[in-house]
PDB file of all heavy atoms in Angstrom:
ATOM      1  N   LEU A   1     -47.118  28.864  11.748  1.00  0.00           N
ATOM      2  CA  LEU A   1     -48.359  28.338  12.320  1.00  0.00           C
ATOM      3  C   LEU A   1     -48.569  28.821  13.749  1.00  0.00           C
ATOM      4  O   LEU A   1     -49.700  29.131  14.144  1.00  0.00           O
ATOM      5  CB  LEU A   1     -48.355  26.810  12.262  1.00  0.00           C
ATOM      6  CG  LEU A   1     -48.452  26.208  10.867  1.00  0.00           C
ATOM      7  CD1 LEU A   1     -48.120  24.714  10.900  1.00  0.00           C
ATOM      8  CD2 LEU A   1     -49.839  26.437  10.285  1.00  0.00           C
ATOM      9  N   LEU A   2     -47.508  28.908  14.528  1.00  0.00           N
ATOM     10  CA  LEU A   2     -47.623  29.383  15.910  1.00  0.00           C
ATOM     11  C   LEU A   2     -48.021  30.858  15.953  1.00  0.00           C
ATOM     12  O   LEU A   2     -48.837  31.258  16.784  1.00  0.00           O
ATOM     13  CB  LEU A   2     -46.310  29.156  16.661  1.00  0.00           C
ATOM     14  CG  LEU A   2     -46.019  27.691  16.983  1.00  0.00           C
ATOM     15  CD1 LEU A   2     -44.548  27.513  17.344  1.00  0.00           C
ATOM     16  CD2 LEU A   2     -46.921  27.194  18.102  1.00  0.00           C
ATOM     17  N   ARG A   3     -47.472  31.646  15.058  1.00  0.00           N
ATOM     18  CA  ARG A   3     -47.864  33.061  15.000  1.00  0.00           C
ATOM     19  C   ARG A   3     -49.340  33.202  14.625  1.00  0.00           C
ATOM     20  O   ARG A   3     -50.048  34.039  15.179  1.00  0.00           O
ATOM     21  CB  ARG A   3     -46.974  33.821  14.025  1.00  0.00           C
ATOM     22  CG  ARG A   3     -45.580  34.053  14.558  1.00  0.00           C
ATOM     23  CD  ARG A   3     -44.734  34.935  13.627  1.00  0.00           C
ATOM     24  NE  ARG A   3     -43.378  35.014  14.127  1.00  0.00           N
ATOM     25  CZ  ARG A   3     -42.362  34.286  13.653  1.00  0.00           C
ATOM     26  NH1 ARG A   3     -42.547  33.458  12.634  1.00  0.00           N
ATOM     27  NH2 ARG A   3     -41.163  34.412  14.167  1.00  0.00           N
ATOM     28  N   SER A   4     -49.799  32.370  13.709  1.00  0.00           N
ATOM     29  CA  SER A   4     -51.209  32.444  13.314  1.00  0.00           C
ATOM     30  C   SER A   4     -52.128  31.971  14.438  1.00  0.00           C
ATOM     31  O   SER A   4     -53.304  32.300  14.459  1.00  0.00           O
ATOM     32  CB  SER A   4     -51.457  31.636  12.039  1.00  0.00           C
ATOM     33  OG  SER A   4     -51.378  30.251  12.296  1.00  0.00           O
ATOM     34  N   LYS A   5     -51.582  31.228  15.395  1.00  0.00           N
ATOM     35  CA  LYS A   5     -52.357  30.775  16.549  1.00  0.00           C
ATOM     36  C   LYS A   5     -52.400  31.836  17.645  1.00  0.00           C
ATOM     37  O   LYS A   5     -53.071  31.678  18.642  1.00  0.00           O
ATOM     38  CB  LYS A   5     -51.787  29.453  17.072  1.00  0.00           C
ATOM     39  CG  LYS A   5     -52.655  28.762  18.095  1.00  0.00           C
ATOM     40  CD  LYS A   5     -52.227  27.332  18.298  1.00  0.00           C
ATOM     41  CE  LYS A   5     -52.964  26.685  19.450  1.00  0.00           C
ATOM     42  NZ  LYS A   5     -54.299  26.220  19.091  1.00  0.00           N
ATOM     43  N   GLY A   6     -51.656  32.925  17.480  1.00  0.00           N
ATOM     44  CA  GLY A   6     -51.714  34.016  18.442  1.00  0.00           C
ATOM     45  C   GLY A   6     -50.435  34.301  19.192  1.00  0.00           C
ATOM     46  O   GLY A   6     -50.385  35.221  20.005  1.00  0.00           O
ATOM     47  N   ILE A   7     -49.387  33.545  18.945  1.00  0.00           N
ATOM     48  CA  ILE A   7     -48.111  33.782  19.626  1.00  0.00           C
ATOM     49  C   ILE A   7     -47.340  34.821  18.818  1.00  0.00           C
ATOM     50  O   ILE A   7     -46.609  34.490  17.886  1.00  0.00           O
ATOM     51  CB  ILE A   7     -47.312  32.477  19.781  1.00  0.00           C
ATOM     52  CG1 ILE A   7     -48.116  31.459  20.572  1.00  0.00           C
ATOM     53  CG2 ILE A   7     -45.968  32.755  20.452  1.00  0.00           C
ATOM     54  CD1 ILE A   7     -47.493  30.075  20.622  1.00  0.00           C
ATOM     55  N   GLN A   8     -47.546  36.087  19.159  1.00  0.00           N
ATOM     56  CA  GLN A   8     -46.926  37.166  18.400  1.00  0.00           C
ATOM     57  C   GLN A   8     -45.498  37.448  18.837  1.00  0.00           C
ATOM     58  O   GLN A   8     -44.704  37.964  18.065  1.00  0.00           O
ATOM     59  CB  GLN A   8     -47.777  38.438  18.511  1.00  0.00           C
ATOM     60  CG  GLN A   8     -49.154  38.268  17.901  1.00  0.00           C
ATOM     61  CD  GLN A   8     -49.115  37.789  16.462  1.00  0.00           C
ATOM     62  OE1 GLN A   8     -48.382  38.312  15.641  1.00  0.00           O
ATOM     63  NE2 GLN A   8     -49.906  36.770  16.144  1.00  0.00           N
ATOM     64  N   GLN A   9     -45.156  37.133  20.088  1.00  0.00           N
ATOM     65  CA  GLN A   9     -43.798  37.381  20.584  1.00  0.00           C
ATOM     66  C   GLN A   9     -42.944  36.126  20.401  1.00  0.00           C
ATOM     67  O   GLN A   9     -42.375  35.602  21.339  1.00  0.00           O
ATOM     68  CB  GLN A   9     -43.837  37.792  22.048  1.00  0.00           C
ATOM     69  CG  GLN A   9     -44.506  39.131  22.283  1.00  0.00           C
ATOM     70  CD  GLN A   9     -44.243  39.622  23.681  1.00  0.00           C
ATOM     71  OE1 GLN A   9     -43.099  39.878  24.057  1.00  0.00           O
ATOM     72  NE2 GLN A   9     -45.303  39.753  24.454  1.00  0.00           N
ATOM     73  N   LEU A  10     -42.891  35.635  19.171  1.00  0.00           N
ATOM     74  CA  LEU A  10     -42.115  34.441  18.842  1.00  0.00           C
ATOM     75  C   LEU A  10     -40.884  34.841  18.040  1.00  0.00           C
ATOM     76  O   LEU A  10     -40.997  35.337  16.926  1.00  0.00           O
ATOM     77  CB  LEU A  10     -42.957  33.449  18.030  1.00  0.00           C
ATOM     78  CG  LEU A  10     -42.232  32.192  17.561  1.00  0.00           C
ATOM     79  CD1 LEU A  10     -41.866  31.311  18.753  1.00  0.00           C
ATOM     80  CD2 LEU A  10     -43.093  31.413  16.578  1.00  0.00           C
ATOM     81  N   ALA A  11     -39.734  34.646  18.640  1.00  0.00           N
ATOM     82  CA  ALA A  11     -38.473  34.920  17.954  1.00  0.00           C
ATOM     83  C   ALA A  11     -37.922  33.606  17.417  1.00  0.00           C
ATOM     84  O   ALA A  11     -38.323  32.529  17.855  1.00  0.00           O
ATOM     85  CB  ALA A  11     -37.474  35.543  18.926  1.00  0.00           C
ATOM     86  N   THR A  12     -37.017  33.702  16.487  1.00  0.00           N
ATOM     87  CA  THR A  12     -36.342  32.514  15.966  1.00  0.00           C
ATOM     88  C   THR A  12     -34.899  32.553  16.453  1.00  0.00           C
ATOM     89  O   THR A  12     -34.206  33.557  16.266  1.00  0.00           O
ATOM     90  CB  THR A  12     -36.379  32.494  14.433  1.00  0.00           C
ATOM     91  OG1 THR A  12     -37.745  32.475  14.016  1.00  0.00           O
ATOM     92  CG2 THR A  12     -35.680  31.258  13.888  1.00  0.00           C
ATOM     93  N   TYR A  13     -34.468  31.479  17.096  1.00  0.00           N
ATOM     94  CA  TYR A  13     -33.108  31.420  17.596  1.00  0.00           C
ATOM     95  C   TYR A  13     -32.144  31.309  16.432  1.00  0.00           C
ATOM     96  O   TYR A  13     -32.313  30.485  15.540  1.00  0.00           O
ATOM     97  CB  TYR A  13     -32.919  30.218  18.527  1.00  0.00           C
ATOM     98  CG  TYR A  13     -31.486  30.045  18.958  1.00  0.00           C
ATOM     99  CD1 TYR A  13     -30.942  30.867  19.935  1.00  0.00           C
ATOM    100  CD2 TYR A  13     -30.662  29.100  18.371  1.00  0.00           C
ATOM    101  CE1 TYR A  13     -29.610  30.741  20.317  1.00  0.00           C
ATOM    102  CE2 TYR A  13     -29.332  28.963  18.742  1.00  0.00           C
ATOM    103  CZ  TYR A  13     -28.816  29.789  19.722  1.00  0.00           C
ATOM    104  OH  TYR A  13     -27.512  29.668  20.092  1.00  0.00           O
ATOM    105  N   THR A  14     -31.145  32.158  16.438  1.00  0.00           N
ATOM    106  CA  THR A  14     -30.066  32.060  15.460  1.00  0.00           C
ATOM    107  C   THR A  14     -28.757  31.931  16.223  1.00  0.00           C
ATOM    108  O   THR A  14     -28.479  32.743  17.110  1.00  0.00           O
ATOM    109  CB  THR A  14     -30.009  33.297  14.530  1.00  0.00           C
ATOM    110  OG1 THR A  14     -30.027  34.482  15.326  1.00  0.00           O
ATOM    111  CG2 THR A  14     -31.181  33.325  13.578  1.00  0.00           C
ATOM    112  N   PRO A  15     -27.974  30.919  15.914  1.00  0.00           N
ATOM    113  CA  PRO A  15     -26.709  30.741  16.622  1.00  0.00           C
ATOM    114  C   PRO A  15     -25.754  31.898  16.335  1.00  0.00           C
ATOM    115  O   PRO A  15     -25.863  32.552  15.304  1.00  0.00           O
ATOM    116  CB  PRO A  15     -26.153  29.424  16.069  1.00  0.00           C
ATOM    117  CG  PRO A  15     -26.979  29.068  14.904  1.00  0.00           C
ATOM    118  CD  PRO A  15     -28.205  29.916  14.907  1.00  0.00           C
ATOM    119  N   SER A  16     -24.852  32.136  17.267  1.00  0.00           N
ATOM    120  CA  SER A  16     -23.887  33.220  17.084  1.00  0.00           C
ATOM    121  C   SER A  16     -22.985  32.905  15.891  1.00  0.00           C
ATOM    122  O   SER A  16     -22.783  31.750  15.536  1.00  0.00           O
ATOM    123  CB  SER A  16     -23.048  33.406  18.346  1.00  0.00           C
ATOM    124  OG  SER A  16     -22.156  32.322  18.488  1.00  0.00           O
ATOM    125  N   THR A  17     -22.443  33.938  15.303  1.00  0.00           N
ATOM    126  CA  THR A  17     -21.560  33.758  14.145  1.00  0.00           C
ATOM    127  C   THR A  17     -20.231  33.145  14.556  1.00  0.00           C
ATOM    128  O   THR A  17     -19.479  32.683  13.713  1.00  0.00           O
ATOM    129  CB  THR A  17     -21.302  35.095  13.434  1.00  0.00           C
ATOM    130  OG1 THR A  17     -20.805  36.036  14.392  1.00  0.00           O
ATOM    131  CG2 THR A  17     -22.568  35.624  12.801  1.00  0.00           C
ATOM    132  N   GLU A  18     -19.977  33.127  15.863  1.00  0.00           N
ATOM    133  CA  GLU A  18     -18.737  32.534  16.356  1.00  0.00           C
ATOM    134  C   GLU A  18     -18.815  31.015  16.440  1.00  0.00           C
ATOM    135  O   GLU A  18     -17.834  30.363  16.719  1.00  0.00           O
ATOM    136  CB  GLU A  18     -18.415  33.095  17.748  1.00  0.00           C
ATOM    137  CG  GLU A  18     -18.211  34.585  17.758  1.00  0.00           C
ATOM    138  CD  GLU A  18     -18.139  35.140  19.166  1.00  0.00           C
ATOM    139  OE1 GLU A  18     -18.102  34.353  20.133  1.00  0.00           O
ATOM    140  OE2 GLU A  18     -18.124  36.362  19.305  1.00  0.00           O
ATOM    141  N   THR A  19     -20.000  30.462  16.225  1.00  0.00           N
ATOM    142  CA  THR A  19     -20.187  29.026  16.342  1.00  0.00           C
ATOM    143  C   THR A  19     -19.336  28.294  15.314  1.00  0.00           C
ATOM    144  O   THR A  19     -19.334  28.634  14.140  1.00  0.00           O
ATOM    145  CB  THR A  19     -21.674  28.654  16.127  1.00  0.00           C
ATOM    146  OG1 THR A  19     -22.453  29.391  17.061  1.00  0.00           O
ATOM    147  CG2 THR A  19     -21.910  27.184  16.333  1.00  0.00           C
ATOM    148  N   ASN A  20     -18.655  27.298  15.762  1.00  0.00           N
ATOM    149  CA  ASN A  20     -17.836  26.457  14.895  1.00  0.00           C
ATOM    150  C   ASN A  20     -18.755  25.605  14.027  1.00  0.00           C
ATOM    151  O   ASN A  20     -19.696  24.996  14.527  1.00  0.00           O
ATOM    152  CB  ASN A  20     -16.945  25.576  15.779  1.00  0.00           C
ATOM    153  CG  ASN A  20     -16.028  24.693  14.976  1.00  0.00           C
ATOM    154  OD1 ASN A  20     -16.207  24.491  13.782  1.00  0.00           O
ATOM    155  ND2 ASN A  20     -15.037  24.149  15.653  1.00  0.00           N
ATOM    156  N   ASN A  21     -18.513  25.542  12.744  1.00  0.00           N
ATOM    157  CA  ASN A  21     -19.354  24.750  11.852  1.00  0.00           C
ATOM    158  C   ASN A  21     -19.368  23.276  12.227  1.00  0.00           C
ATOM    159  O   ASN A  21     -20.340  22.586  12.000  1.00  0.00           O
ATOM    160  CB  ASN A  21     -18.919  24.912  10.398  1.00  0.00           C
ATOM    161  CG  ASN A  21     -19.303  26.261   9.843  1.00  0.00           C
ATOM    162  OD1 ASN A  21     -20.209  26.906  10.365  1.00  0.00           O
ATOM    163  ND2 ASN A  21     -18.620  26.687   8.802  1.00  0.00           N
ATOM    164  N   LEU A  22     -18.272  22.768  12.776  1.00  0.00           N
ATOM    165  CA  LEU A  22     -18.248  21.373  13.194  1.00  0.00           C
ATOM    166  C   LEU A  22     -19.198  21.126  14.351  1.00  0.00           C
ATOM    167  O   LEU A  22     -19.786  20.059  14.472  1.00  0.00           O
ATOM    168  CB  LEU A  22     -16.828  20.946  13.570  1.00  0.00           C
ATOM    169  CG  LEU A  22     -15.819  20.923  12.422  1.00  0.00           C
ATOM    170  CD1 LEU A  22     -14.436  20.564  12.949  1.00  0.00           C
ATOM    171  CD2 LEU A  22     -16.252  19.939  11.354  1.00  0.00           C
ATOM    172  N   ALA A  23     -19.383  22.137  15.208  1.00  0.00           N
ATOM    173  CA  ALA A  23     -20.319  21.992  16.327  1.00  0.00           C
ATOM    174  C   ALA A  23     -21.748  21.835  15.807  1.00  0.00           C
ATOM    175  O   ALA A  23     -22.586  21.209  16.459  1.00  0.00           O
ATOM    176  CB  ALA A  23     -20.223  23.192  17.260  1.00  0.00           C
ATOM    177  N   GLU A  24     -22.040  22.411  14.638  1.00  0.00           N
ATOM    178  CA  GLU A  24     -23.373  22.289  14.062  1.00  0.00           C
ATOM    179  C   GLU A  24     -23.713  20.835  13.754  1.00  0.00           C
ATOM    180  O   GLU A  24     -24.869  20.458  13.684  1.00  0.00           O
ATOM    181  CB  GLU A  24     -23.505  23.138  12.798  1.00  0.00           C
ATOM    182  CG  GLU A  24     -23.440  24.621  13.052  1.00  0.00           C
ATOM    183  CD  GLU A  24     -24.515  25.112  13.990  1.00  0.00           C
ATOM    184  OE1 GLU A  24     -25.681  24.689  13.858  1.00  0.00           O
ATOM    185  OE2 GLU A  24     -24.190  25.912  14.870  1.00  0.00           O
ATOM    186  N   LEU A  25     -22.686  20.031  13.531  1.00  0.00           N
ATOM    187  CA  LEU A  25     -22.928  18.624  13.252  1.00  0.00           C
ATOM    188  C   LEU A  25     -23.449  17.896  14.484  1.00  0.00           C
ATOM    189  O   LEU A  25     -24.134  16.895  14.377  1.00  0.00           O
ATOM    190  CB  LEU A  25     -21.648  17.959  12.734  1.00  0.00           C
ATOM    191  CG  LEU A  25     -21.130  18.500  11.409  1.00  0.00           C
ATOM    192  CD1 LEU A  25     -19.807  17.837  11.052  1.00  0.00           C
ATOM    193  CD2 LEU A  25     -22.146  18.315  10.300  1.00  0.00           C
ATOM    194  N   ASP A  26     -23.114  18.386  15.662  1.00  0.00           N
ATOM    195  CA  ASP A  26     -23.601  17.813  16.908  1.00  0.00           C
ATOM    196  C   ASP A  26     -24.884  18.547  17.279  1.00  0.00           C
ATOM    197  O   ASP A  26     -24.864  19.532  18.010  1.00  0.00           O
ATOM    198  CB  ASP A  26     -22.546  17.943  18.006  1.00  0.00           C
ATOM    199  CG  ASP A  26     -22.950  17.271  19.298  1.00  0.00           C
ATOM    200  OD1 ASP A  26     -24.092  16.752  19.372  1.00  0.00           O
ATOM    201  OD2 ASP A  26     -22.157  17.270  20.236  1.00  0.00           O
ATOM    202  N   GLN A  27     -25.993  18.064  16.739  1.00  0.00           N
ATOM    203  CA  GLN A  27     -27.265  18.754  16.902  1.00  0.00           C
ATOM    204  C   GLN A  27     -27.689  18.892  18.358  1.00  0.00           C
ATOM    205  O   GLN A  27     -28.231  19.922  18.751  1.00  0.00           O
ATOM    206  CB  GLN A  27     -28.365  18.012  16.137  1.00  0.00           C
ATOM    207  CG  GLN A  27     -28.199  18.029  14.645  1.00  0.00           C
ATOM    208  CD  GLN A  27     -29.367  17.380  13.971  1.00  0.00           C
ATOM    209  OE1 GLN A  27     -30.428  17.981  13.874  1.00  0.00           O
ATOM    210  NE2 GLN A  27     -29.195  16.151  13.521  1.00  0.00           N
ATOM    211  N   GLN A  28     -27.472  17.864  19.151  1.00  0.00           N
ATOM    212  CA  GLN A  28     -27.890  17.910  20.546  1.00  0.00           C
ATOM    213  C   GLN A  28     -27.111  18.982  21.305  1.00  0.00           C
ATOM    214  O   GLN A  28     -27.676  19.710  22.110  1.00  0.00           O
ATOM    215  CB  GLN A  28     -27.706  16.543  21.210  1.00  0.00           C
ATOM    216  CG  GLN A  28     -28.420  16.421  22.542  1.00  0.00           C
ATOM    217  CD  GLN A  28     -29.925  16.608  22.435  1.00  0.00           C
ATOM    218  OE1 GLN A  28     -30.591  15.993  21.596  1.00  0.00           O
ATOM    219  NE2 GLN A  28     -30.472  17.469  23.267  1.00  0.00           N
ATOM    220  N   LYS A  29     -25.828  19.103  21.015  1.00  0.00           N
ATOM    221  CA  LYS A  29     -25.005  20.134  21.652  1.00  0.00           C
ATOM    222  C   LYS A  29     -25.501  21.520  21.237  1.00  0.00           C
ATOM    223  O   LYS A  29     -25.604  22.422  22.065  1.00  0.00           O
ATOM    224  CB  LYS A  29     -23.540  19.945  21.270  1.00  0.00           C
ATOM    225  CG  LYS A  29     -22.612  20.940  21.911  1.00  0.00           C
ATOM    226  CD  LYS A  29     -21.176  20.675  21.518  1.00  0.00           C
ATOM    227  CE  LYS A  29     -20.245  21.707  22.137  1.00  0.00           C
ATOM    228  NZ  LYS A  29     -18.864  21.506  21.719  1.00  0.00           N
ATOM    229  N   SER A  30     -25.808  21.687  19.957  1.00  0.00           N
ATOM    230  CA  SER A  30     -26.317  22.964  19.462  1.00  0.00           C
ATOM    231  C   SER A  30     -27.649  23.312  20.112  1.00  0.00           C
ATOM    232  O   SER A  30     -27.897  24.470  20.457  1.00  0.00           O
ATOM    233  CB  SER A  30     -26.483  22.928  17.942  1.00  0.00           C
ATOM    234  OG  SER A  30     -25.242  22.763  17.312  1.00  0.00           O
ATOM    235  N   LEU A  31     -28.511  22.316  20.298  1.00  0.00           N
ATOM    236  CA  LEU A  31     -29.805  22.557  20.927  1.00  0.00           C
ATOM    237  C   LEU A  31     -29.628  22.959  22.389  1.00  0.00           C
ATOM    238  O   LEU A  31     -30.266  23.899  22.862  1.00  0.00           O
ATOM    239  CB  LEU A  31     -30.707  21.321  20.818  1.00  0.00           C
ATOM    240  CG  LEU A  31     -32.082  21.447  21.483  1.00  0.00           C
ATOM    241  CD1 LEU A  31     -32.882  22.596  20.866  1.00  0.00           C
ATOM    242  CD2 LEU A  31     -32.837  20.144  21.368  1.00  0.00           C
ATOM    243  N   SER A  32     -28.754  22.271  23.110  1.00  0.00           N
ATOM    244  CA  SER A  32     -28.490  22.623  24.515  1.00  0.00           C
ATOM    245  C   SER A  32     -27.966  24.043  24.627  1.00  0.00           C
ATOM    246  O   SER A  32     -28.376  24.801  25.510  1.00  0.00           O
ATOM    247  CB  SER A  32     -27.482  21.656  25.129  1.00  0.00           C
ATOM    248  OG  SER A  32     -28.021  20.363  25.188  1.00  0.00           O
ATOM    249  N   GLN A  33     -27.092  24.415  23.713  1.00  0.00           N
ATOM    250  CA  GLN A  33     -26.552  25.772  23.696  1.00  0.00           C
ATOM    251  C   GLN A  33     -27.669  26.780  23.403  1.00  0.00           C
ATOM    252  O   GLN A  33     -27.733  27.839  24.024  1.00  0.00           O
ATOM    253  CB  GLN A  33     -25.446  25.872  22.654  1.00  0.00           C
ATOM    254  CG  GLN A  33     -24.737  27.206  22.641  1.00  0.00           C
ATOM    255  CD  GLN A  33     -23.593  27.229  21.645  1.00  0.00           C
ATOM    256  OE1 GLN A  33     -23.674  26.626  20.569  1.00  0.00           O
ATOM    257  NE2 GLN A  33     -22.527  27.921  21.986  1.00  0.00           N
ATOM    258  N   ALA A  34     -28.555  26.459  22.483  1.00  0.00           N
ATOM    259  CA  ALA A  34     -29.675  27.343  22.148  1.00  0.00           C
ATOM    260  C   ALA A  34     -30.586  27.538  23.352  1.00  0.00           C
ATOM    261  O   ALA A  34     -31.013  28.659  23.644  1.00  0.00           O
ATOM    262  CB  ALA A  34     -30.467  26.762  20.972  1.00  0.00           C
ATOM    263  N   ILE A  35     -30.887  26.464  24.072  1.00  0.00           N
ATOM    264  CA  ILE A  35     -31.751  26.554  25.250  1.00  0.00           C
ATOM    265  C   ILE A  35     -31.095  27.433  26.316  1.00  0.00           C
ATOM    266  O   ILE A  35     -31.745  28.318  26.888  1.00  0.00           O
ATOM    267  CB  ILE A  35     -32.084  25.147  25.793  1.00  0.00           C
ATOM    268  CG1 ILE A  35     -33.025  24.440  24.815  1.00  0.00           C
ATOM    269  CG2 ILE A  35     -32.707  25.226  27.187  1.00  0.00           C
ATOM    270  CD1 ILE A  35     -33.258  22.972  25.116  1.00  0.00           C
ATOM    271  N   ASN A  36     -29.818  27.216  26.571  1.00  0.00           N
ATOM    272  CA  ASN A  36     -29.112  28.033  27.564  1.00  0.00           C
ATOM    273  C   ASN A  36     -29.077  29.507  27.171  1.00  0.00           C
ATOM    274  O   ASN A  36     -29.330  30.387  27.992  1.00  0.00           O
ATOM    275  CB  ASN A  36     -27.690  27.508  27.778  1.00  0.00           C
ATOM    276  CG  ASN A  36     -27.669  26.192  28.509  1.00  0.00           C
ATOM    277  OD1 ASN A  36     -28.592  25.843  29.235  1.00  0.00           O
ATOM    278  ND2 ASN A  36     -26.606  25.431  28.300  1.00  0.00           N
ATOM    279  N   ASN A  37     -28.779  29.778  25.905  1.00  0.00           N
ATOM    280  CA  ASN A  37     -28.705  31.167  25.443  1.00  0.00           C
ATOM    281  C   ASN A  37     -30.051  31.870  25.508  1.00  0.00           C
ATOM    282  O   ASN A  37     -30.132  33.023  25.925  1.00  0.00           O
ATOM    283  CB  ASN A  37     -28.160  31.227  24.011  1.00  0.00           C
ATOM    284  CG  ASN A  37     -26.698  30.878  23.925  1.00  0.00           C
ATOM    285  OD1 ASN A  37     -25.996  30.808  24.925  1.00  0.00           O
ATOM    286  ND2 ASN A  37     -26.227  30.628  22.716  1.00  0.00           N
ATOM    287  N   THR A  38     -31.109  31.209  25.097  1.00  0.00           N
ATOM    288  CA  THR A  38     -32.424  31.853  25.090  1.00  0.00           C
ATOM    289  C   THR A  38     -32.971  32.034  26.506  1.00  0.00           C
ATOM    290  O   THR A  38     -33.661  33.005  26.776  1.00  0.00           O
ATOM    291  CB  THR A  38     -33.429  31.065  24.222  1.00  0.00           C
ATOM    292  OG1 THR A  38     -33.490  29.713  24.671  1.00  0.00           O
ATOM    293  CG2 THR A  38     -33.035  31.109  22.762  1.00  0.00           C
ATOM    294  N   LYS A  39     -32.642  31.134  27.391  1.00  0.00           N
ATOM    295  CA  LYS A  39     -33.058  31.262  28.790  1.00  0.00           C
ATOM    296  C   LYS A  39     -32.437  32.523  29.387  1.00  0.00           C
ATOM    297  O   LYS A  39     -33.115  33.322  30.034  1.00  0.00           O
ATOM    298  CB  LYS A  39     -32.627  30.019  29.568  1.00  0.00           C
ATOM    299  CG  LYS A  39     -33.045  29.988  30.998  1.00  0.00           C
ATOM    300  CD  LYS A  39     -32.597  28.672  31.616  1.00  0.00           C
ATOM    301  CE  LYS A  39     -32.845  28.611  33.087  1.00  0.00           C
ATOM    302  NZ  LYS A  39     -32.407  27.334  33.659  1.00  0.00           N
ATOM    303  N   VAL A  40     -31.148  32.732  29.127  1.00  0.00           N
ATOM    304  CA  VAL A  40     -30.436  33.913  29.626  1.00  0.00           C
ATOM    305  C   VAL A  40     -31.006  35.193  29.005  1.00  0.00           C
ATOM    306  O   VAL A  40     -31.056  36.237  29.641  1.00  0.00           O
ATOM    307  CB  VAL A  40     -28.917  33.780  29.337  1.00  0.00           C
ATOM    308  CG1 VAL A  40     -28.181  35.081  29.576  1.00  0.00           C
ATOM    309  CG2 VAL A  40     -28.322  32.671  30.171  1.00  0.00           C
TER     310      VAL A  40
END
């Protein structure tokens, strides 16, 4: 929907393959990590 609204430079964050599966259970931690990684 965002792309159809005109945001063509929209990437989808994918966590690194090194991410521990147990960390995925802590959604807030995963989100904080995603924000830090994408900012960099």
